[in-house]
Protein backbone atom coordinates (compact mmCIF):
# COMPACT_ATOMS: atom_id res chain seq x y z
CA UNK A 1 106.12 -120.94 137.51
CA UNK A 2 108.52 -123.44 138.97
CA UNK A 3 111.83 -125.16 138.15
CA UNK A 4 113.10 -122.29 135.97
CA UNK A 5 116.67 -123.15 134.87
CA UNK A 6 119.21 -121.08 132.91
CA UNK A 7 122.49 -122.80 132.06
CA UNK A 8 121.55 -125.42 134.66
CA UNK A 9 121.17 -122.73 137.32
CA UNK A 10 117.92 -122.66 139.32
CA UNK A 11 116.97 -119.00 139.02
CA UNK A 12 114.49 -119.00 141.87
CA UNK A 13 116.90 -120.71 144.26
CA UNK A 14 119.58 -118.21 143.29
CA UNK A 15 117.22 -115.30 143.91
CA UNK A 16 116.40 -116.58 147.37
CA UNK A 17 120.04 -116.87 148.41
CA UNK A 18 121.44 -113.71 146.82
CA UNK A 19 118.62 -111.20 146.49
CA UNK A 20 116.51 -111.97 149.53
CA UNK A 21 113.52 -113.07 147.47
CA UNK A 22 110.99 -115.22 149.31
CA UNK A 23 109.73 -118.00 147.07
CA UNK A 24 106.78 -120.10 148.13
CA UNK A 25 103.04 -119.91 148.57
CA UNK A 26 102.41 -116.16 148.62
CA UNK A 27 98.71 -116.39 147.82
CA UNK A 28 97.79 -115.79 151.45
CA UNK A 29 99.56 -112.42 151.52
CA UNK A 30 97.92 -111.23 148.30
CA UNK A 31 94.42 -112.18 149.46
CA UNK A 32 94.77 -110.78 152.99
CA UNK A 33 92.55 -107.90 154.13
CA UNK A 34 93.76 -104.76 155.83
CA UNK A 35 92.72 -105.63 159.39
CA UNK A 36 94.00 -109.22 159.19
CA UNK A 37 96.78 -110.23 161.56
CA UNK A 38 100.10 -111.39 160.16
CA UNK A 39 103.03 -113.31 161.63
CA UNK A 40 106.77 -112.68 161.36
CA UNK A 41 108.22 -116.18 161.23
CA UNK A 42 111.82 -115.64 160.08
CA UNK A 43 114.74 -113.95 161.82
CA UNK A 44 114.91 -111.22 159.15
CA UNK A 45 111.17 -110.82 158.57
CA UNK A 46 109.63 -107.39 157.97
CA UNK A 47 106.83 -105.49 156.24
CA UNK A 48 107.68 -102.21 154.50
CA UNK A 49 105.14 -99.45 153.76
CA UNK A 50 105.56 -96.33 151.67
CA UNK A 51 106.66 -93.41 153.84
CA UNK A 52 103.36 -91.90 155.03
CA UNK A 53 104.78 -89.60 157.75
CA UNK A 54 104.71 -85.83 157.21
CA UNK A 55 107.53 -83.48 158.20
CA UNK A 56 105.43 -82.16 161.09
CA UNK A 57 105.02 -85.61 162.66
CA UNK A 58 102.27 -88.17 162.76
CA UNK A 59 100.83 -91.13 164.61
CA UNK A 60 101.18 -94.89 164.56
CA UNK A 61 99.22 -97.55 166.43
CA UNK A 62 99.01 -101.32 166.19
CA UNK A 63 98.49 -104.45 168.27
CA UNK A 64 101.40 -106.76 169.01
CA UNK A 65 101.63 -110.28 170.40
CA UNK A 66 105.02 -111.65 171.35
CA UNK A 67 107.11 -113.25 174.05
CA UNK A 68 110.35 -111.66 172.82
CA UNK A 69 112.27 -109.46 175.24
CA UNK A 70 113.94 -107.52 172.41
CA UNK A 71 112.22 -106.76 169.10
CA UNK A 72 111.68 -103.98 166.59
CA UNK A 73 108.06 -102.91 166.15
CA UNK A 74 108.29 -99.90 163.81
CA UNK A 75 111.07 -97.81 162.23
CA UNK A 76 111.39 -95.00 159.71
CA UNK A 77 114.61 -93.10 158.96
CA UNK A 78 115.75 -90.12 156.95
CA UNK A 79 118.34 -90.01 154.16
CA UNK A 80 121.90 -91.12 155.00
CA UNK A 81 122.99 -87.51 155.38
CA UNK A 82 120.40 -86.89 158.10
CA UNK A 83 120.17 -88.16 161.66
CA UNK A 84 116.36 -88.10 161.67
CA UNK A 85 114.47 -91.26 162.58
CA UNK A 86 111.42 -92.52 164.48
CA UNK A 87 111.41 -95.97 166.12
CA UNK A 88 109.23 -98.10 168.37
CA UNK A 89 110.87 -101.18 169.86
CA UNK A 90 110.60 -103.63 172.74
CA UNK A 91 113.56 -103.65 175.12
CA UNK A 92 113.61 -106.07 178.07
CA UNK A 93 109.88 -106.54 177.56
CA UNK A 94 109.01 -102.81 177.71
CA UNK A 95 107.95 -100.61 174.77
CA UNK A 96 110.38 -97.75 174.06
CA UNK A 97 109.79 -94.88 171.64
CA UNK A 98 112.88 -93.15 170.19
CA UNK A 99 113.03 -90.23 167.78
CA UNK A 100 115.42 -87.63 166.47
CA UNK A 101 114.52 -84.64 164.30
CA UNK A 102 118.10 -83.44 164.13
CA UNK A 103 118.27 -82.03 167.67
CA UNK A 104 119.36 -85.22 169.46
CA UNK A 105 117.71 -88.50 170.39
CA UNK A 106 114.65 -88.40 172.66
CA UNK A 107 113.39 -91.63 174.28
CA UNK A 108 110.24 -92.49 176.19
CA UNK A 109 109.92 -95.82 178.02
CA UNK A 110 106.71 -97.48 179.21
CA UNK A 111 106.67 -99.35 182.52
CA UNK A 112 104.13 -101.83 181.15
CA UNK A 113 105.46 -105.25 180.13
CA UNK A 114 104.18 -106.54 176.79
CA UNK A 115 106.28 -109.71 176.32
CA UNK A 116 103.69 -112.02 177.85
CA UNK A 117 102.21 -113.66 174.75
CA UNK A 118 99.01 -111.61 174.94
CA UNK A 119 97.76 -108.93 172.55
CA UNK A 120 98.74 -105.36 173.49
CA UNK A 121 97.83 -102.09 171.81
CA UNK A 122 100.80 -99.77 171.24
CA UNK A 123 100.45 -96.18 170.09
CA UNK A 124 102.98 -93.48 169.15
CA UNK A 125 102.08 -89.84 168.47
CA UNK A 126 104.83 -87.31 167.84
CA UNK A 127 105.44 -83.78 166.62
CA UNK A 128 108.19 -81.14 166.66
CA UNK A 129 107.70 -80.41 170.36
CA UNK A 130 106.17 -83.54 171.88
CA UNK A 131 106.13 -87.35 171.89
CA UNK A 132 103.37 -89.54 173.33
CA UNK A 133 103.54 -93.30 173.95
CA UNK A 134 100.47 -95.34 174.88
CA UNK A 135 100.27 -98.99 175.94
CA UNK A 136 96.82 -100.53 176.33
CA UNK A 137 95.33 -97.06 176.83
CA UNK A 138 97.89 -95.91 179.42
CA UNK A 139 99.52 -92.76 178.04
CA UNK A 140 102.94 -91.27 178.77
CA UNK A 141 104.07 -88.02 177.16
CA UNK A 142 107.17 -85.86 176.98
CA UNK A 143 107.79 -82.29 175.87
CA UNK A 144 110.83 -82.18 173.61
CA UNK A 145 113.14 -79.20 173.58
CA UNK A 146 112.85 -76.78 170.67
CA UNK A 147 116.10 -76.91 168.71
CA UNK A 148 117.24 -75.62 165.35
CA UNK A 149 115.35 -78.26 163.41
CA UNK A 150 111.55 -78.03 163.57
CA UNK A 151 110.72 -80.81 161.09
CA UNK A 152 111.23 -84.54 160.60
CA UNK A 153 113.17 -85.33 157.45
CA UNK A 154 112.17 -88.96 156.87
CA UNK A 155 112.87 -90.50 153.48
CA UNK A 156 112.81 -94.30 153.71
CA UNK A 157 110.10 -96.89 154.09
CA UNK A 158 108.08 -97.30 157.27
CA UNK A 159 109.12 -100.76 158.49
CA UNK A 160 106.92 -102.90 160.72
CA UNK A 161 108.23 -105.86 162.71
CA UNK A 162 111.79 -105.82 161.39
CA UNK A 163 114.29 -104.38 158.92
CA UNK A 164 116.25 -105.36 155.84
CA UNK A 165 119.98 -105.93 156.30
CA UNK A 166 121.10 -102.43 155.30
CA UNK A 167 118.55 -100.63 157.43
CA UNK A 168 119.24 -102.92 160.40
CA UNK A 169 122.93 -102.00 160.43
CA UNK A 170 122.16 -98.28 160.29
CA UNK A 171 119.46 -98.50 162.98
CA UNK A 172 121.85 -100.10 165.46
CA UNK A 173 125.10 -98.31 164.65
CA UNK A 174 123.86 -94.81 163.79
CA UNK A 175 120.59 -94.51 165.68
CA UNK A 176 121.42 -96.63 168.72
CA UNK A 177 118.50 -99.05 168.60
CA UNK A 178 118.82 -101.95 171.04
CA UNK A 179 116.70 -104.52 169.18
CA UNK A 180 118.84 -106.32 166.61
CA UNK A 181 116.29 -108.92 165.46
CA UNK A 182 112.85 -108.96 163.93
CA UNK A 183 109.79 -109.42 166.07
CA UNK A 184 109.03 -113.07 166.81
CA UNK A 185 105.28 -112.72 167.01
CA UNK A 186 102.23 -111.17 165.37
CA UNK A 187 100.92 -107.73 164.41
CA UNK A 188 97.41 -106.61 163.58
CA UNK A 189 95.02 -103.62 163.35
CA UNK A 190 97.73 -101.17 162.29
CA UNK A 191 96.95 -97.50 161.76
CA UNK A 192 99.18 -94.73 160.42
CA UNK A 193 97.81 -91.22 160.89
CA UNK A 194 94.47 -92.85 161.84
CA UNK A 195 94.32 -94.70 158.49
CA UNK A 196 94.18 -98.52 158.62
CA UNK A 197 97.22 -100.27 157.13
CA UNK A 198 98.09 -103.93 156.73
CA UNK A 199 99.29 -106.58 154.30
CA UNK A 200 97.44 -105.10 151.27
CA UNK A 201 99.44 -101.85 151.71
CA UNK A 202 102.87 -103.51 151.79
CA UNK A 203 105.51 -102.55 149.25
CA UNK A 204 107.95 -105.24 150.38
CA UNK A 205 107.50 -108.24 152.68
CA UNK A 206 109.81 -110.96 153.89
CA UNK A 207 109.27 -113.95 156.14
CA UNK A 208 105.57 -113.26 156.78
CA UNK A 209 102.51 -115.48 157.07
CA UNK A 210 98.90 -114.29 157.13
CA UNK A 211 97.05 -114.69 160.43
CA UNK A 212 98.71 -115.18 163.79
CA UNK A 213 100.40 -118.58 163.76
CA UNK A 214 102.47 -117.99 166.88
CA UNK A 215 101.57 -119.88 170.03
CA UNK A 216 103.55 -119.53 173.23
CA UNK A 217 103.15 -122.85 175.10
CA UNK A 218 105.87 -121.95 177.62
CA UNK A 219 103.37 -119.53 179.16
CA UNK A 220 101.36 -122.60 180.25
CA UNK A 221 104.32 -123.78 182.38
CA UNK A 222 104.56 -127.19 180.69
CA UNK A 223 107.88 -128.26 182.24
CA UNK A 224 108.62 -129.94 185.53
CA UNK A 225 109.97 -127.80 188.41
CA UNK A 226 113.60 -126.98 187.82
CA UNK A 227 113.40 -127.41 184.04
CA UNK A 228 113.59 -124.50 181.61
CA UNK A 229 111.08 -124.06 178.79
CA UNK A 230 112.25 -122.64 175.47
CA UNK A 231 110.16 -121.81 172.40
CA UNK A 232 110.61 -124.18 169.45
CA UNK A 233 109.28 -122.80 166.18
CA UNK A 234 106.00 -120.93 166.10
CA UNK A 235 103.95 -123.30 168.24
CA UNK A 236 106.27 -125.81 169.90
CA UNK A 237 108.48 -125.95 172.95
CA UNK A 238 111.12 -128.05 174.57
CA UNK A 239 111.92 -128.55 178.23
CA UNK A 240 115.61 -128.35 179.05
CA UNK A 241 116.56 -130.27 182.15
CA UNK A 242 119.65 -132.03 183.38
CA UNK A 243 120.03 -135.20 185.48
CA UNK A 244 121.51 -134.81 188.94
CA UNK A 245 125.08 -133.62 188.78
CA UNK A 246 124.97 -132.62 185.11
CA UNK A 247 124.70 -129.19 183.55
CA UNK A 248 121.69 -128.30 181.45
CA UNK A 249 122.30 -128.75 177.74
CA UNK A 250 120.37 -128.84 174.49
CA UNK A 251 120.96 -132.57 174.28
CA UNK A 252 119.12 -133.31 177.52
CA UNK A 253 115.70 -132.17 176.57
CA UNK A 254 112.77 -134.49 176.20
CA UNK A 255 111.36 -136.20 179.27
CA UNK A 256 110.80 -133.42 181.78
CA UNK A 257 107.35 -132.29 180.60
CA UNK A 258 104.80 -132.07 183.42
CA UNK A 259 102.70 -135.22 183.68
CA UNK A 260 99.49 -133.17 183.83
CA UNK A 261 100.29 -130.93 180.85
CA UNK A 262 97.39 -131.35 178.40
CA UNK A 263 98.61 -129.46 175.35
CA UNK A 264 100.26 -130.98 172.27
CA UNK A 265 104.05 -131.21 172.30
CA UNK A 266 107.00 -132.93 170.65
CA UNK A 267 109.54 -135.33 172.10
CA UNK A 268 113.19 -134.73 171.18
CA UNK A 269 116.26 -136.92 171.11
CA UNK A 270 119.29 -134.62 170.99
CA UNK A 271 118.32 -132.10 168.33
CA UNK A 272 116.21 -134.51 166.27
CA UNK A 273 112.47 -134.52 166.77
CA UNK A 274 111.09 -137.94 167.68
CA UNK A 275 107.39 -137.56 168.40
CA UNK A 276 104.53 -135.13 167.99
CA UNK A 277 101.85 -135.68 170.62
CA UNK A 278 98.24 -134.55 170.66
CA UNK A 279 95.78 -135.28 173.50
CA UNK A 280 93.21 -138.02 173.07
CA UNK A 281 89.67 -136.67 173.50
CA UNK A 282 86.86 -138.87 174.80
CA UNK A 283 83.47 -138.32 176.36
CA UNK A 284 82.92 -139.10 180.01
CA UNK A 285 82.44 -142.86 180.22
CA UNK A 286 83.32 -143.23 176.52
CA UNK A 287 86.24 -144.69 174.62
CA UNK A 288 88.30 -144.04 171.51
CA UNK A 289 91.18 -145.53 169.58
CA UNK A 290 94.70 -144.21 170.09
CA UNK A 291 96.07 -143.55 166.60
CA UNK A 292 99.04 -141.98 164.85
CA UNK A 293 97.18 -138.67 165.09
CA UNK A 294 97.85 -138.78 168.84
CA UNK A 295 101.33 -140.37 168.73
CA UNK A 296 103.08 -139.36 165.52
CA UNK A 297 106.62 -140.49 164.78
CA UNK A 298 108.72 -137.75 163.20
CA UNK A 299 111.96 -139.68 162.76
CA UNK A 300 112.43 -141.81 159.63
CA UNK A 301 113.08 -145.01 161.54
CA UNK A 302 112.87 -147.23 158.45
CA UNK A 303 116.09 -145.67 157.10
CA UNK A 304 117.76 -146.92 160.28
CA UNK A 305 116.65 -150.49 159.66
CA UNK A 306 113.78 -150.38 162.17
CA UNK A 307 110.50 -151.99 161.16
CA UNK A 308 107.03 -150.99 162.37
CA UNK A 309 107.14 -153.86 164.85
CA UNK A 310 110.55 -152.68 166.04
CA UNK A 311 109.08 -149.44 167.39
CA UNK A 312 107.89 -150.39 170.88
CA UNK A 313 105.74 -148.45 173.31
CA UNK A 314 106.08 -149.62 176.92
CA UNK A 315 103.23 -148.68 179.28
CA UNK A 316 105.02 -147.43 182.40
CA UNK A 317 102.12 -145.82 184.28
CA UNK A 318 98.61 -146.91 183.19
CA UNK A 319 95.69 -144.46 183.24
CA UNK A 320 94.20 -143.74 186.66
CA UNK A 321 90.63 -143.06 185.49
CA UNK A 322 90.27 -145.56 182.70
CA UNK A 323 91.83 -148.53 180.97
CA UNK A 324 94.16 -149.03 178.01
CA UNK A 325 93.22 -152.06 175.93
CA UNK A 326 95.63 -153.60 173.40
CA UNK A 327 93.88 -155.93 170.94
CA UNK A 328 96.64 -158.23 169.73
CA UNK A 329 96.03 -161.90 168.91
CA UNK A 330 99.61 -163.10 168.53
CA UNK A 331 102.33 -161.29 170.39
CA UNK A 332 105.86 -161.95 171.41
CA UNK A 333 105.89 -159.00 173.79
CA UNK A 334 104.49 -158.46 177.30
CA UNK A 335 100.91 -157.32 177.79
CA UNK A 336 101.99 -153.78 178.63
CA UNK A 337 103.83 -153.27 175.32
CA UNK A 338 102.52 -152.54 171.84
CA UNK A 339 104.20 -151.64 168.56
CA UNK A 340 103.83 -148.87 166.02
CA UNK A 341 102.18 -151.45 163.76
CA UNK A 342 99.50 -151.93 166.45
CA UNK A 343 99.03 -148.17 166.54
CA UNK A 344 98.62 -147.94 162.76
CA UNK A 345 96.09 -150.78 162.69
CA UNK A 346 93.96 -149.18 165.44
CA UNK A 347 94.48 -151.90 168.02
CA UNK A 348 95.06 -149.63 171.02
CA UNK A 349 91.98 -148.26 172.76
CA UNK A 350 91.41 -146.07 175.82
CA UNK A 351 88.16 -146.37 177.81
CA UNK A 352 87.15 -143.87 180.48
CA UNK A 353 85.68 -145.23 183.72
CA UNK A 354 82.80 -142.72 183.80
CA UNK A 355 84.06 -140.86 186.86
CA UNK A 356 83.89 -137.09 187.17
CA UNK A 357 87.64 -136.75 186.56
CA UNK A 358 87.98 -134.80 183.33
CA UNK A 359 91.64 -135.53 182.71
CA UNK A 360 93.79 -138.63 182.54
CA UNK A 361 97.23 -139.60 181.28
CA UNK A 362 99.36 -142.59 180.32
CA UNK A 363 103.14 -142.64 180.70
CA UNK A 364 105.00 -144.50 177.95
CA UNK A 365 108.59 -145.25 177.07
CA UNK A 366 109.53 -145.35 173.39
CA UNK A 367 112.10 -147.91 172.27
CA UNK A 368 113.66 -148.60 168.85
CA UNK A 369 114.99 -152.05 167.99
CA UNK A 370 116.98 -152.73 164.82
CA UNK A 371 118.26 -156.15 163.76
CA UNK A 372 120.53 -154.98 160.96
CA UNK A 373 121.86 -151.52 161.88
CA UNK A 374 123.55 -149.89 164.82
CA UNK A 375 121.23 -147.14 165.99
CA UNK A 376 122.45 -143.59 166.67
CA UNK A 377 123.35 -143.00 170.30
CA UNK A 378 120.36 -140.69 170.73
CA UNK A 379 117.99 -143.56 169.84
CA UNK A 380 119.66 -146.33 171.80
CA UNK A 381 117.98 -145.51 175.10
CA UNK A 382 114.29 -145.38 175.85
CA UNK A 383 112.56 -142.00 175.75
CA UNK A 384 109.76 -141.36 178.23
CA UNK A 385 106.69 -139.31 177.30
CA UNK A 386 103.15 -138.70 178.48
CA UNK A 387 99.97 -139.05 176.43
CA UNK A 388 97.22 -136.89 177.90
CA UNK A 389 93.52 -137.68 177.76
CA UNK A 390 90.95 -134.87 177.78
CA UNK A 391 87.54 -136.04 179.02
CA UNK A 392 84.45 -134.10 177.96
CA UNK A 393 81.97 -133.98 180.85
CA UNK A 394 78.53 -135.52 180.34
CA UNK A 395 75.52 -134.35 182.30
CA UNK A 396 74.62 -137.66 183.91
CA UNK A 397 71.17 -138.17 185.29
CA UNK A 398 71.07 -138.06 189.10
CA UNK A 399 70.96 -141.36 190.95
CA UNK A 400 68.26 -141.97 193.55
CA UNK A 401 69.02 -144.38 196.36
CA UNK A 402 66.04 -146.16 197.87
CA UNK A 403 67.09 -149.12 200.04
CA UNK A 404 65.59 -152.40 198.74
CA UNK A 405 62.43 -153.31 200.59
CA UNK A 406 62.36 -149.93 202.34
CA UNK A 407 58.82 -148.81 203.16
CA UNK A 408 57.52 -145.55 204.55
CA UNK A 409 55.45 -146.71 207.53
CA UNK A 410 53.29 -144.29 209.47
CA UNK A 411 50.09 -144.23 211.46
CA UNK A 412 46.88 -143.51 209.59
CA UNK A 413 45.87 -139.87 209.53
CA UNK A 414 49.35 -138.65 210.60
CA UNK A 415 52.42 -137.11 208.93
CA UNK A 416 55.97 -138.40 208.85
CA UNK A 417 59.24 -136.70 207.88
CA UNK A 418 61.11 -137.94 204.81
CA UNK A 419 64.80 -138.43 205.61
CA UNK A 420 67.91 -139.15 203.54
CA UNK A 421 67.85 -142.70 204.93
CA UNK A 422 64.69 -143.21 202.89
CA UNK A 423 65.31 -140.92 199.88
CA UNK A 424 68.77 -139.79 198.77
CA UNK A 425 69.63 -138.39 195.34
CA UNK A 426 73.26 -138.14 194.28
CA UNK A 427 74.93 -136.28 191.43
CA UNK A 428 78.59 -135.25 191.65
CA UNK A 429 77.94 -132.33 189.27
CA UNK A 430 75.05 -130.86 191.25
CA UNK A 431 74.52 -129.40 194.71
CA UNK A 432 71.72 -130.85 196.87
CA UNK A 433 69.79 -127.58 196.56
CA UNK A 434 69.65 -128.12 192.77
CA UNK A 435 68.56 -131.77 192.85
CA UNK A 436 64.82 -131.49 192.31
CA UNK A 437 62.33 -134.26 193.07
CA UNK A 438 59.12 -134.20 191.04
CA UNK A 439 56.03 -136.03 192.21
CA UNK A 440 54.99 -137.95 189.09
CA UNK A 441 52.14 -139.95 190.58
CA UNK A 442 50.57 -139.82 193.98
CA UNK A 443 47.19 -141.42 193.42
CA UNK A 444 44.10 -139.80 194.90
CA UNK A 445 45.31 -137.24 197.46
CA UNK A 446 41.95 -137.37 199.23
CA UNK A 447 42.36 -141.09 199.73
CA UNK A 448 46.12 -141.70 199.92
CA UNK A 449 47.80 -138.51 201.12
CA UNK A 450 50.26 -135.88 199.87
CA UNK A 451 53.72 -134.37 200.31
CA UNK A 452 53.97 -131.28 202.50
CA UNK A 453 56.57 -128.58 203.25
CA UNK A 454 57.07 -127.64 206.89
CA UNK A 455 56.59 -123.94 206.07
CA UNK A 456 53.32 -124.59 204.19
CA UNK A 457 51.35 -127.19 206.16
CA UNK A 458 48.29 -128.56 204.44
CA UNK A 459 49.46 -127.50 200.94
CA UNK A 460 50.34 -130.44 198.63
CA UNK A 461 53.88 -130.32 197.15
CA UNK A 462 54.56 -131.21 193.53
CA UNK A 463 58.34 -130.74 193.79
CA UNK A 464 61.05 -130.38 196.43
CA UNK A 465 64.84 -130.64 196.66
CA UNK A 466 67.33 -132.98 198.28
CA UNK A 467 68.37 -130.05 200.48
CA UNK A 468 64.77 -129.87 201.75
CA UNK A 469 64.99 -133.53 202.75
CA UNK A 470 68.39 -133.09 204.37
CA UNK A 471 67.00 -130.19 206.43
CA UNK A 472 63.94 -132.27 207.49
CA UNK A 473 61.41 -129.97 205.85
CA UNK A 474 59.37 -132.47 203.79
CA UNK A 475 56.73 -134.82 205.21
CA UNK A 476 54.24 -137.28 203.83
CA UNK A 477 50.73 -136.68 205.14
CA UNK A 478 48.33 -139.63 205.26
CA UNK A 479 44.63 -138.99 204.79
CA UNK A 480 43.57 -141.91 206.90
CA UNK A 481 41.69 -144.13 204.45
CA UNK A 482 43.94 -146.51 202.50
CA UNK A 483 46.42 -148.74 204.30
CA UNK A 484 48.85 -148.99 201.36
CA UNK A 485 49.79 -146.63 198.52
CA UNK A 486 52.67 -145.77 196.20
CA UNK A 487 54.41 -142.50 195.33
CA UNK A 488 56.26 -142.24 191.97
CA UNK A 489 59.18 -139.76 191.97
CA UNK A 490 61.69 -138.52 189.39
CA UNK A 491 64.82 -136.45 190.07
CA UNK A 492 66.54 -133.95 187.78
CA UNK A 493 69.45 -131.57 188.26
CA UNK A 494 67.17 -128.61 187.69
CA UNK A 495 69.16 -127.20 184.78
CA UNK A 496 68.65 -129.85 182.10
CA UNK A 497 66.29 -132.53 180.93
CA UNK A 498 68.47 -135.32 182.30
CA UNK A 499 66.19 -137.12 184.76
CA UNK A 500 66.75 -140.22 186.81
CA UNK A 501 64.75 -143.35 186.39
CA UNK A 502 61.39 -143.21 188.11
CA UNK A 503 61.51 -144.58 191.64
CA UNK A 504 58.46 -145.74 193.54
CA UNK A 505 58.20 -145.13 197.24
CA UNK A 506 55.93 -147.63 198.96
CA UNK A 507 53.74 -146.26 201.78
CA UNK A 508 52.08 -148.41 204.46
CA UNK A 509 49.65 -146.94 206.99
CA UNK A 510 48.58 -148.73 210.13
CA UNK A 511 45.98 -148.04 212.79
CA UNK A 512 47.22 -145.79 215.54
CA UNK A 513 47.19 -147.44 218.95
CA UNK A 514 47.68 -145.78 222.35
CA UNK A 515 48.64 -147.48 225.58
CA UNK A 516 49.39 -146.26 229.08
CA UNK A 517 53.00 -146.49 230.07
CA UNK A 518 52.59 -145.01 233.58
CA UNK A 519 49.52 -144.42 235.79
CA UNK A 520 50.71 -144.39 239.39
CA UNK A 521 47.92 -142.33 240.88
CA UNK A 522 48.53 -139.54 243.43
CA UNK A 523 48.54 -139.59 247.24
CA UNK A 524 48.46 -136.19 248.96
CA UNK A 525 47.08 -134.50 252.07
CA UNK A 526 43.59 -133.00 252.16
CA UNK A 527 43.73 -129.53 250.68
CA UNK A 528 47.22 -130.13 249.30
CA UNK A 529 48.42 -130.16 245.69
CA UNK A 530 51.10 -131.71 243.52
CA UNK A 531 52.25 -131.44 239.91
CA UNK A 532 51.58 -134.23 237.41
CA UNK A 533 54.62 -135.59 235.51
CA UNK A 534 55.31 -138.43 233.11
CA UNK A 535 56.37 -140.57 236.06
CA UNK A 536 52.76 -140.38 237.27
CA UNK A 537 50.94 -140.45 233.96
CA UNK A 538 52.28 -141.14 230.42
CA UNK A 539 51.08 -142.82 227.25
CA UNK A 540 52.89 -144.21 224.19
CA UNK A 541 51.89 -144.94 220.59
CA UNK A 542 52.76 -147.75 218.24
CA UNK A 543 54.56 -145.15 216.02
CA UNK A 544 57.57 -144.21 218.17
CA UNK A 545 59.59 -142.79 215.22
CA UNK A 546 56.96 -140.17 214.33
CA UNK A 547 57.23 -137.93 217.40
CA UNK A 548 53.45 -137.60 217.59
CA UNK A 549 51.84 -135.22 220.08
CA UNK A 550 49.62 -136.96 222.65
CA UNK A 551 46.77 -134.86 224.03
CA UNK A 552 44.88 -135.71 227.23
CA UNK A 553 41.15 -134.96 227.47
CA UNK A 554 40.19 -133.99 231.03
CA UNK A 555 36.87 -135.09 232.55
CA UNK A 556 36.22 -133.43 235.89
CA UNK A 557 38.10 -130.63 237.61
CA UNK A 558 41.84 -130.10 237.38
CA UNK A 559 44.09 -127.07 237.63
CA UNK A 560 46.94 -126.08 235.29
CA UNK A 561 50.14 -125.07 237.04
CA UNK A 562 51.26 -121.54 236.06
CA UNK A 563 53.29 -119.93 238.88
CA UNK A 564 54.64 -121.15 242.17
CA UNK A 565 51.69 -119.74 244.14
CA UNK A 566 48.92 -119.67 241.51
CA UNK A 567 46.74 -122.29 239.86
CA UNK A 568 43.98 -121.84 237.30
CA UNK A 569 41.12 -124.17 236.28
CA UNK A 570 42.01 -126.42 233.34
């Protein structure tokens, strides 16, 4: 039913204002399941259950999520003639259990803070002689004194999250509760006497929404240093800051959001919302159009005589890791300005530069221009805001650098180390130890040669890493037959199928040549001796960069020097 009138009086509207009836879409509450979370979204919100607590005591547990420093979590009281009550509240961020069975108020305070926007499990177990409070499994207990009254005389509803007006007044004035407002947050997984309770068990509800709709963006520290973040609604925030020499006020509140804050937020002018911002999401190296889904105007500017082309966005700081392209054929504005009409017609595009930076931002200033009306003072100056770009990383294939015309030259029948000057793979996402070379084609190993690891000489390698090359552990071994061959290599990051383009390493083998560099001969006395050194006898090869060992074959008689006074036949 809707629009029910009696004598021109809207009955539903009257019920809302005078009887506390909530009128709206209640279908979510009726279809909720018992373990489903629910949100308290109004200042006087609450959920009331039938009184399930026996005279000898009982137990209550539930999970709470809030940032409020003061809030009521649970409350049940006796008849007006009795002082009995049981309450669980949050005071200065700490859970406090209070109860009275007619012998005086007993309180138990937890040292754990729960006003941090995270889910916390609270539990209360009480009887005539004890009370136990648990927070996230940490239990505190207290033995209560035995007085005249041995039972709890509780008669009203068990309230969760808040109270109706009458009960609120009694809870504060008669029972001394310190929380005067409903919980601004969410509750879930409630249990009373170990029996699950939730929205389906409610007798009365007010100001509730199924599921947890509360977000606490201030916990992400979205404001610039020196600014204060305050919650705005269930999922918004505003940064309160003041220019130099001015005091902080609600009217100075929109352009002190951190430049690197990547969550959605709104821009305010005085108390009127101007913009709702949502990050633009692109793939690494990709692009997308900036639309009204990312920059949404919340003010009805047309009523102020401002056209779509009179809403101007000035680019103050362009993106650092991409480009902003504005596709406008005819413009009467500078190149760094576009209008809301351009935004609506999808003429503004962001393109990422493909770097490994997974975040970017553009700083704009919003300006309203009206030809027929005087704008409100709050809209007469430009408002600065930041559009954030979230870049999804892409697993790029590694890049292999082989200098043009570079050839692996070595003497026939020898081995030569592979160095990073010849082969170097690069991938900013991957460590050298995870960049894997695979030998795709090597020809006939008996004729051309093979790759070899320093720790396994003579064993052909089918794969090796960039770290192996950097540590000078990989060599190419020539078999000594063909003068020229080719090695085809591919590189992957080891953890995916992304592989670089095949690179071909050209190998040239030449005949090894030896020549004498020194041969001075020896002159010594009969019966004397002297040691041979490279100044007397040395040879060189035509492969000086291979560090080849040169062996001398002795014909005749010679002695090898061992100790100062001993020689042995060579």
